[in-house]
Amino acid sequence: MTASIRRIVLDSLKPREASIIELSQALCSVKGVNEVDITVTEVDVKTETIRLVIRGSNINYDELSKVMVDHGSTIRSIDEISVAKS
């Protein structure tokens, strides 16, 4: 039996100049991701705190993390996760 990630909520930090549009599109291209919602929750001089809600059928967390790093973002915490048997 394997369990697949269906929904994950992340608290993240990104550079202000990085576009949430580009980040959301890149995350949506990750294997198993069907939908990405990004909300800016705090703005500082150089960074923005964002909340990501990512939904899909079998989200590849390792690839998701790599895309975040490639776009200059860091995952501060996983705030929620939903998994299901595959």
C-alpha atoms as a PDB file:
ATOM      1  CA  MET A   1       0.000   0.000   0.000  1.00  0.00           C
ATOM      2  CA  THR A   2       1.205   3.486  -0.808  1.00  0.00           C
ATOM      3  CA  ALA A   3      -0.204   6.842   0.240  1.00  0.00           C
ATOM      4  CA  SER A   4      -0.235   9.808  -2.090  1.00  0.00           C
ATOM      5  CA  ILE A   5      -0.303  13.487  -1.183  1.00  0.00           C
ATOM      6  CA  ARG A   6      -3.594  15.042  -2.322  1.00  0.00           C
ATOM      7  CA  ARG A   7      -3.362  18.475  -0.636  1.00  0.00           C
ATOM      8  CA  ILE A   8      -0.575  20.327   1.103  1.00  0.00           C
ATOM      9  CA  VAL A   9      -0.505  23.783   2.709  1.00  0.00           C
ATOM     10  CA  LEU A  10       2.898  25.461   2.969  1.00  0.00           C
ATOM     11  CA  ASP A  11       4.163  28.578   4.725  1.00  0.00           C
ATOM     12  CA  SER A  12       6.953  29.984   2.570  1.00  0.00           C
ATOM     13  CA  LEU A  13       9.253  32.962   2.149  1.00  0.00           C
ATOM     14  CA  LYS A  14      10.112  34.368  -1.280  1.00  0.00           C
ATOM     15  CA  PRO A  15      12.029  37.379  -2.624  1.00  0.00           C
ATOM     16  CA  ARG A  16       9.747  40.357  -3.342  1.00  0.00           C
ATOM     17  CA  GLU A  17      10.916  40.552  -6.941  1.00  0.00           C
ATOM     18  CA  ALA A  18       9.912  36.939  -7.626  1.00  0.00           C
ATOM     19  CA  SER A  19       6.517  36.753  -9.329  1.00  0.00           C
ATOM     20  CA  ILE A  20       3.793  34.661  -7.691  1.00  0.00           C
ATOM     21  CA  ILE A  21       2.370  34.128 -11.177  1.00  0.00           C
ATOM     22  CA  GLU A  22       5.580  32.496 -12.414  1.00  0.00           C
ATOM     23  CA  LEU A  23       5.963  30.511  -9.187  1.00  0.00           C
ATOM     24  CA  SER A  24       2.378  29.221  -9.314  1.00  0.00           C
ATOM     25  CA  GLN A  25       2.745  28.192 -12.971  1.00  0.00           C
ATOM     26  CA  ALA A  26       6.030  26.387 -12.247  1.00  0.00           C
ATOM     27  CA  LEU A  27       4.491  24.571  -9.274  1.00  0.00           C
ATOM     28  CA  CYS A  28       1.480  23.583 -11.371  1.00  0.00           C
ATOM     29  CA  SER A  29       3.860  21.841 -13.787  1.00  0.00           C
ATOM     30  CA  VAL A  30       5.082  19.491 -11.012  1.00  0.00           C
ATOM     31  CA  LYS A  31       4.021  15.871 -11.457  1.00  0.00           C
ATOM     32  CA  GLY A  32       0.700  15.209  -9.735  1.00  0.00           C
ATOM     33  CA  VAL A  33      -0.196  18.881  -9.127  1.00  0.00           C
ATOM     34  CA  ASN A  34      -3.551  20.035 -10.506  1.00  0.00           C
ATOM     35  CA  GLU A  35      -4.110  23.330  -8.711  1.00  0.00           C
ATOM     36  CA  VAL A  36      -2.029  25.974  -6.873  1.00  0.00           C
ATOM     37  CA  ASP A  37      -3.330  28.856  -4.748  1.00  0.00           C
ATOM     38  CA  ILE A  38      -0.877  31.458  -3.427  1.00  0.00           C
ATOM     39  CA  THR A  39      -1.761  34.162  -0.910  1.00  0.00           C
ATOM     40  CA  VAL A  40       0.688  36.888   0.142  1.00  0.00           C
ATOM     41  CA  THR A  41       0.302  37.184   3.919  1.00  0.00           C
ATOM     42  CA  GLU A  42       3.124  39.575   4.817  1.00  0.00           C
ATOM     43  CA  VAL A  43       5.383  41.984   2.946  1.00  0.00           C
ATOM     44  CA  ASP A  44       8.824  43.104   4.128  1.00  0.00           C
ATOM     45  CA  VAL A  45      11.449  45.225   2.389  1.00  0.00           C
ATOM     46  CA  LYS A  46      13.116  42.297   0.614  1.00  0.00           C
ATOM     47  CA  THR A  47      10.774  39.332   1.135  1.00  0.00           C
ATOM     48  CA  GLU A  48       7.143  38.244   1.112  1.00  0.00           C
ATOM     49  CA  THR A  49       5.596  35.564   3.270  1.00  0.00           C
ATOM     50  CA  ILE A  50       3.228  33.424   1.226  1.00  0.00           C
ATOM     51  CA  ARG A  51       0.725  30.665   1.963  1.00  0.00           C
ATOM     52  CA  LEU A  52       0.479  27.986  -0.698  1.00  0.00           C
ATOM     53  CA  VAL A  53      -2.389  25.543  -1.048  1.00  0.00           C
ATOM     54  CA  ILE A  54      -1.473  22.823  -3.542  1.00  0.00           C
ATOM     55  CA  ARG A  55      -3.937  20.172  -4.693  1.00  0.00           C
ATOM     56  CA  GLY A  56      -3.476  17.161  -6.914  1.00  0.00           C
ATOM     57  CA  SER A  57      -3.822  13.448  -7.370  1.00  0.00           C
ATOM     58  CA  ASN A  58      -0.313  12.398  -6.303  1.00  0.00           C
ATOM     59  CA  ILE A  59       1.880  15.413  -5.521  1.00  0.00           C
ATOM     60  CA  ASN A  60       5.634  14.816  -5.800  1.00  0.00           C
ATOM     61  CA  TYR A  61       6.904  16.705  -2.726  1.00  0.00           C
ATOM     62  CA  ASP A  62      10.594  16.394  -3.633  1.00  0.00           C
ATOM     63  CA  GLU A  63      10.014  17.951  -7.053  1.00  0.00           C
ATOM     64  CA  LEU A  64       7.777  20.607  -5.482  1.00  0.00           C
ATOM     65  CA  SER A  65      10.569  21.541  -3.042  1.00  0.00           C
ATOM     66  CA  LYS A  66      13.097  21.750  -5.887  1.00  0.00           C
ATOM     67  CA  VAL A  67      10.873  24.126  -7.887  1.00  0.00           C
ATOM     68  CA  MET A  68      10.491  26.331  -4.799  1.00  0.00           C
ATOM     69  CA  VAL A  69      14.289  26.524  -4.348  1.00  0.00           C
ATOM     70  CA  ASP A  70      14.791  27.175  -8.079  1.00  0.00           C
ATOM     71  CA  HIS A  71      12.509  30.222  -7.716  1.00  0.00           C
ATOM     72  CA  GLY A  72      14.362  31.550  -4.650  1.00  0.00           C
ATOM     73  CA  SER A  73      11.685  30.462  -2.171  1.00  0.00           C
ATOM     74  CA  THR A  74      12.078  28.547   1.062  1.00  0.00           C
ATOM     75  CA  ILE A  75       9.523  26.330   2.759  1.00  0.00           C
ATOM     76  CA  ARG A  76       9.232  27.454   6.375  1.00  0.00           C
ATOM     77  CA  SER A  77       6.671  24.861   7.419  1.00  0.00           C
ATOM     78  CA  ILE A  78       4.100  22.358   6.256  1.00  0.00           C
ATOM     79  CA  ASP A  79       0.916  23.610   7.919  1.00  0.00           C
ATOM     80  CA  GLU A  80      -1.531  20.990   6.597  1.00  0.00           C
ATOM     81  CA  ILE A  81      -1.374  17.812   4.576  1.00  0.00           C
ATOM     82  CA  SER A  82      -3.946  15.363   3.234  1.00  0.00           C
ATOM     83  CA  VAL A  83      -2.963  11.937   1.966  1.00  0.00           C
ATOM     84  CA  ALA A  84      -4.973   9.032   0.558  1.00  0.00           C
ATOM     85  CA  LYS A  85      -4.322   5.445  -0.373  1.00  0.00           C
ATOM     86  CA  SER A  86      -3.308   5.043  -3.976  1.00  0.00           C
END
